[in-house]
Amino acid sequence: MLHSHAVGKAKAFCEKLAQQAGLDQSHPALQRWYAAIHETQSDREVVSLYAQLVQPVLDARRGGKSAVRRRSRR
């Protein structure tokens, strides 16, 4: 997905990551991400914003590697 110019799949992908990590939709990091994304952005841009705004919070919670990087390489 990071190498794609497609539009429309990244939001659901990132929402699933957040849900699986136990992040509530009202969490400030997720709310900042929602405010930053637009329907005209490519999937790559949406995932990149998630990696910048939300993933650091998840990484800090579990002290591990980025789930976005692991899953998007498949």
C-alpha atoms as a PDB file:
ATOM      1  CA  MET A   1       0.000   0.000   0.000  1.00  0.00           C
ATOM      2  CA  LEU A   2       2.921   2.341   0.619  1.00  0.00           C
ATOM      3  CA  HIS A   3       3.953   2.024  -3.020  1.00  0.00           C
ATOM      4  CA  SER A   4       0.447   2.513  -4.365  1.00  0.00           C
ATOM      5  CA  HIS A   5      -1.281   5.518  -5.864  1.00  0.00           C
ATOM      6  CA  ALA A   6      -4.682   3.923  -5.239  1.00  0.00           C
ATOM      7  CA  VAL A   7      -7.370   5.647  -3.213  1.00  0.00           C
ATOM      8  CA  GLY A   8      -9.871   4.236  -0.755  1.00  0.00           C
ATOM      9  CA  LYS A   9      -8.390   1.224   1.029  1.00  0.00           C
ATOM     10  CA  ALA A  10      -5.967   2.810   3.484  1.00  0.00           C
ATOM     11  CA  LYS A  11      -8.496   4.351   5.857  1.00  0.00           C
ATOM     12  CA  ALA A  12     -10.133   0.996   6.605  1.00  0.00           C
ATOM     13  CA  PHE A  13      -6.706  -0.650   6.853  1.00  0.00           C
ATOM     14  CA  CYS A  14      -5.501   1.899   9.408  1.00  0.00           C
ATOM     15  CA  GLU A  15      -8.758   1.813  11.357  1.00  0.00           C
ATOM     16  CA  LYS A  16      -8.393  -1.956  11.634  1.00  0.00           C
ATOM     17  CA  LEU A  17      -4.830  -1.559  12.917  1.00  0.00           C
ATOM     18  CA  ALA A  18      -6.003   0.898  15.565  1.00  0.00           C
ATOM     19  CA  GLN A  19      -8.897  -1.351  16.577  1.00  0.00           C
ATOM     20  CA  GLN A  20      -6.649  -4.412  16.847  1.00  0.00           C
ATOM     21  CA  ALA A  21      -4.275  -2.395  19.010  1.00  0.00           C
ATOM     22  CA  GLY A  22      -7.152  -1.451  21.314  1.00  0.00           C
ATOM     23  CA  LEU A  23      -7.092   2.247  20.476  1.00  0.00           C
ATOM     24  CA  ASP A  24     -10.465   3.880  21.034  1.00  0.00           C
ATOM     25  CA  GLN A  25     -11.793   5.999  18.159  1.00  0.00           C
ATOM     26  CA  SER A  26     -12.005   8.961  20.505  1.00  0.00           C
ATOM     27  CA  HIS A  27      -8.260   8.861  21.225  1.00  0.00           C
ATOM     28  CA  PRO A  28      -6.659  12.247  20.429  1.00  0.00           C
ATOM     29  CA  ALA A  29      -4.040  10.744  18.085  1.00  0.00           C
ATOM     30  CA  LEU A  30      -6.699   8.996  16.037  1.00  0.00           C
ATOM     31  CA  GLN A  31      -8.838  12.138  16.004  1.00  0.00           C
ATOM     32  CA  ARG A  32      -5.861  14.161  14.693  1.00  0.00           C
ATOM     33  CA  TRP A  33      -5.398  11.563  11.954  1.00  0.00           C
ATOM     34  CA  TYR A  34      -9.092  11.725  10.985  1.00  0.00           C
ATOM     35  CA  ALA A  35      -8.836  15.519  10.802  1.00  0.00           C
ATOM     36  CA  ALA A  36      -5.728  15.315   8.613  1.00  0.00           C
ATOM     37  CA  ILE A  37      -6.985  12.884   5.983  1.00  0.00           C
ATOM     38  CA  HIS A  38      -9.030  13.823   2.933  1.00  0.00           C
ATOM     39  CA  GLU A  39     -10.778  11.745   0.289  1.00  0.00           C
ATOM     40  CA  THR A  40      -8.449  13.101  -2.403  1.00  0.00           C
ATOM     41  CA  GLN A  41      -5.333  11.666  -0.746  1.00  0.00           C
ATOM     42  CA  SER A  42      -3.788   8.461  -2.035  1.00  0.00           C
ATOM     43  CA  ASP A  43      -3.643   5.377   0.149  1.00  0.00           C
ATOM     44  CA  ARG A  44       0.062   5.988   0.505  1.00  0.00           C
ATOM     45  CA  GLU A  45      -0.556   9.469   1.932  1.00  0.00           C
ATOM     46  CA  VAL A  46      -3.229   8.207   4.338  1.00  0.00           C
ATOM     47  CA  VAL A  47      -0.967   5.420   5.644  1.00  0.00           C
ATOM     48  CA  SER A  48       1.942   7.844   5.951  1.00  0.00           C
ATOM     49  CA  LEU A  49      -0.170  10.206   8.049  1.00  0.00           C
ATOM     50  CA  TYR A  50      -1.243   7.291  10.238  1.00  0.00           C
ATOM     51  CA  ALA A  51       2.407   6.335  10.690  1.00  0.00           C
ATOM     52  CA  GLN A  52       3.236   9.905  11.748  1.00  0.00           C
ATOM     53  CA  LEU A  53       0.225  10.672  13.945  1.00  0.00           C
ATOM     54  CA  VAL A  54      -1.056   7.400  15.407  1.00  0.00           C
ATOM     55  CA  GLN A  55       1.611   4.722  15.193  1.00  0.00           C
ATOM     56  CA  PRO A  56       4.031   6.429  17.618  1.00  0.00           C
ATOM     57  CA  VAL A  57       1.309   6.278  20.288  1.00  0.00           C
ATOM     58  CA  LEU A  58       0.793   2.569  19.675  1.00  0.00           C
ATOM     59  CA  ASP A  59       4.524   1.906  19.611  1.00  0.00           C
ATOM     60  CA  ALA A  60       4.958   3.703  22.934  1.00  0.00           C
ATOM     61  CA  ARG A  61       2.173   1.607  24.463  1.00  0.00           C
ATOM     62  CA  ARG A  62       3.752  -1.696  23.518  1.00  0.00           C
ATOM     63  CA  GLY A  63       7.377  -0.703  23.077  1.00  0.00           C
ATOM     64  CA  GLY A  64       7.573  -2.511  19.743  1.00  0.00           C
ATOM     65  CA  LYS A  65       8.028  -2.057  16.040  1.00  0.00           C
ATOM     66  CA  SER A  66       5.553  -0.316  13.816  1.00  0.00           C
ATOM     67  CA  ALA A  67       2.564  -2.454  12.757  1.00  0.00           C
ATOM     68  CA  VAL A  68       2.128  -0.266   9.670  1.00  0.00           C
ATOM     69  CA  ARG A  69       5.561  -1.223   8.388  1.00  0.00           C
ATOM     70  CA  ARG A  70       5.074  -4.936   9.101  1.00  0.00           C
ATOM     71  CA  ARG A  71       1.631  -5.228   7.531  1.00  0.00           C
ATOM     72  CA  SER A  72       2.073  -2.946   4.533  1.00  0.00           C
ATOM     73  CA  ARG A  73       5.024  -4.934   3.192  1.00  0.00           C
ATOM     74  CA  ARG A  74       2.860  -7.989   2.521  1.00  0.00           C
END
